[in-house]
Amino acid sequence: MRKAPAVIPVGAVRDGRYRLVVRGELDDRFAYLFHGMEMERAQGTTVITGLVIDQAQLHGFIERIHELGLDLLSVEPLTEAS
């Protein structure tokens, strides 16, 4: 008996690269909170970019941003062209 292929619900997080933008400029001492993701500061924001392995990890990053008292401006999955 063959198993049906796994179906990923619409809107579910799949592994891949993501960009999270927060209001405020985080310095490098916060980098460890985002497990090797790149942090770039620009014009009063911090852009956090890197590999997210699953939905739980993405929610963990969002929770950390909340715990730091920062405003999350955007979350964007990146395509190969990004």
C-alpha atoms as a PDB file:
ATOM      1  CA  MET A   1       0.000   0.000   0.000  1.00  0.00           C
ATOM      2  CA  ARG A   2       1.461   3.351  -1.047  1.00  0.00           C
ATOM      3  CA  LYS A   3       1.325   6.369   1.206  1.00  0.00           C
ATOM      4  CA  ALA A   4      -0.198   9.550  -0.141  1.00  0.00           C
ATOM      5  CA  PRO A   5       2.311  12.406  -0.446  1.00  0.00           C
ATOM      6  CA  ALA A   6       2.363  14.809   2.473  1.00  0.00           C
ATOM      7  CA  VAL A   7       0.124  17.782   1.925  1.00  0.00           C
ATOM      8  CA  ILE A   8       1.299  21.115   3.264  1.00  0.00           C
ATOM      9  CA  PRO A   9      -1.626  23.357   4.194  1.00  0.00           C
ATOM     10  CA  VAL A  10      -1.890  26.707   2.454  1.00  0.00           C
ATOM     11  CA  GLY A  11      -0.014  29.275   4.512  1.00  0.00           C
ATOM     12  CA  ALA A  12       2.069  26.668   6.371  1.00  0.00           C
ATOM     13  CA  VAL A  13       5.738  27.461   6.876  1.00  0.00           C
ATOM     14  CA  ARG A  14       8.149  25.337   4.908  1.00  0.00           C
ATOM     15  CA  ASP A  15      11.885  25.374   5.399  1.00  0.00           C
ATOM     16  CA  GLY A  16      13.597  28.143   3.504  1.00  0.00           C
ATOM     17  CA  ARG A  17      15.030  31.605   3.834  1.00  0.00           C
ATOM     18  CA  TYR A  18      13.002  34.339   5.514  1.00  0.00           C
ATOM     19  CA  ARG A  19      13.401  38.054   6.114  1.00  0.00           C
ATOM     20  CA  LEU A  20      12.056  39.567   9.337  1.00  0.00           C
ATOM     21  CA  VAL A  21      12.103  43.346   9.747  1.00  0.00           C
ATOM     22  CA  VAL A  22      11.795  44.972  13.167  1.00  0.00           C
ATOM     23  CA  ARG A  23      11.651  48.591  14.269  1.00  0.00           C
ATOM     24  CA  GLY A  24      14.821  49.492  16.151  1.00  0.00           C
ATOM     25  CA  GLU A  25      18.491  48.813  15.563  1.00  0.00           C
ATOM     26  CA  LEU A  26      19.679  45.709  17.426  1.00  0.00           C
ATOM     27  CA  ASP A  27      23.395  45.513  18.043  1.00  0.00           C
ATOM     28  CA  ASP A  28      25.470  42.365  17.576  1.00  0.00           C
ATOM     29  CA  ARG A  29      25.019  41.158  21.156  1.00  0.00           C
ATOM     30  CA  PHE A  30      21.488  40.045  20.183  1.00  0.00           C
ATOM     31  CA  ALA A  31      22.631  37.936  17.207  1.00  0.00           C
ATOM     32  CA  TYR A  32      22.838  34.712  19.259  1.00  0.00           C
ATOM     33  CA  LEU A  33      19.067  34.923  19.845  1.00  0.00           C
ATOM     34  CA  PHE A  34      18.471  34.323  16.148  1.00  0.00           C
ATOM     35  CA  HIS A  35      20.666  31.232  15.642  1.00  0.00           C
ATOM     36  CA  GLY A  36      23.104  32.312  12.966  1.00  0.00           C
ATOM     37  CA  MET A  37      20.747  34.491  10.966  1.00  0.00           C
ATOM     38  CA  GLU A  38      22.242  37.632   9.437  1.00  0.00           C
ATOM     39  CA  MET A  39      21.381  40.972  11.028  1.00  0.00           C
ATOM     40  CA  GLU A  40      21.602  44.218   9.102  1.00  0.00           C
ATOM     41  CA  ARG A  41      20.751  47.601  10.582  1.00  0.00           C
ATOM     42  CA  ALA A  42      19.378  50.376   8.397  1.00  0.00           C
ATOM     43  CA  GLN A  43      17.436  53.584   9.046  1.00  0.00           C
ATOM     44  CA  GLY A  44      15.997  52.659  12.417  1.00  0.00           C
ATOM     45  CA  THR A  45      15.238  49.025  11.571  1.00  0.00           C
ATOM     46  CA  THR A  46      16.953  45.674  11.832  1.00  0.00           C
ATOM     47  CA  VAL A  47      16.605  43.191   8.984  1.00  0.00           C
ATOM     48  CA  ILE A  48      17.070  39.579  10.127  1.00  0.00           C
ATOM     49  CA  THR A  49      17.620  37.145   7.260  1.00  0.00           C
ATOM     50  CA  GLY A  50      18.379  33.448   7.193  1.00  0.00           C
ATOM     51  CA  LEU A  51      17.240  29.853   7.117  1.00  0.00           C
ATOM     52  CA  VAL A  52      14.098  28.899   9.016  1.00  0.00           C
ATOM     53  CA  ILE A  53      13.674  25.137   9.329  1.00  0.00           C
ATOM     54  CA  ASP A  54       9.998  24.969  10.290  1.00  0.00           C
ATOM     55  CA  GLN A  55       6.979  26.847  11.595  1.00  0.00           C
ATOM     56  CA  ALA A  56       7.981  26.328  15.228  1.00  0.00           C
ATOM     57  CA  GLN A  57      11.332  28.033  14.682  1.00  0.00           C
ATOM     58  CA  LEU A  58       9.703  30.965  12.881  1.00  0.00           C
ATOM     59  CA  HIS A  59       7.238  31.403  15.756  1.00  0.00           C
ATOM     60  CA  GLY A  60      10.170  31.251  18.181  1.00  0.00           C
ATOM     61  CA  PHE A  61      11.900  34.120  16.387  1.00  0.00           C
ATOM     62  CA  ILE A  62       8.667  36.145  16.404  1.00  0.00           C
ATOM     63  CA  GLU A  63       8.244  35.462  20.131  1.00  0.00           C
ATOM     64  CA  ARG A  64      11.811  36.653  20.812  1.00  0.00           C
ATOM     65  CA  ILE A  65      11.101  39.873  18.947  1.00  0.00           C
ATOM     66  CA  HIS A  66       8.014  40.353  21.123  1.00  0.00           C
ATOM     67  CA  GLU A  67       9.978  39.573  24.319  1.00  0.00           C
ATOM     68  CA  LEU A  68      12.536  42.234  23.365  1.00  0.00           C
ATOM     69  CA  GLY A  69       9.698  44.748  23.115  1.00  0.00           C
ATOM     70  CA  LEU A  70      10.287  45.372  19.405  1.00  0.00           C
ATOM     71  CA  ASP A  71       7.684  46.047  16.753  1.00  0.00           C
ATOM     72  CA  LEU A  72       7.637  43.412  14.006  1.00  0.00           C
ATOM     73  CA  LEU A  73       7.197  45.265  10.721  1.00  0.00           C
ATOM     74  CA  SER A  74       7.231  42.348   8.284  1.00  0.00           C
ATOM     75  CA  VAL A  75       7.906  38.643   7.752  1.00  0.00           C
ATOM     76  CA  GLU A  76       8.677  37.576   4.217  1.00  0.00           C
ATOM     77  CA  PRO A  77       9.639  34.216   2.715  1.00  0.00           C
ATOM     78  CA  LEU A  78      12.443  34.698   0.209  1.00  0.00           C
ATOM     79  CA  THR A  79      12.558  33.102  -3.195  1.00  0.00           C
ATOM     80  CA  GLU A  80      15.726  32.134  -5.011  1.00  0.00           C
ATOM     81  CA  ALA A  81      15.614  35.476  -6.848  1.00  0.00           C
ATOM     82  CA  SER A  82      15.376  37.558  -3.621  1.00  0.00           C
END
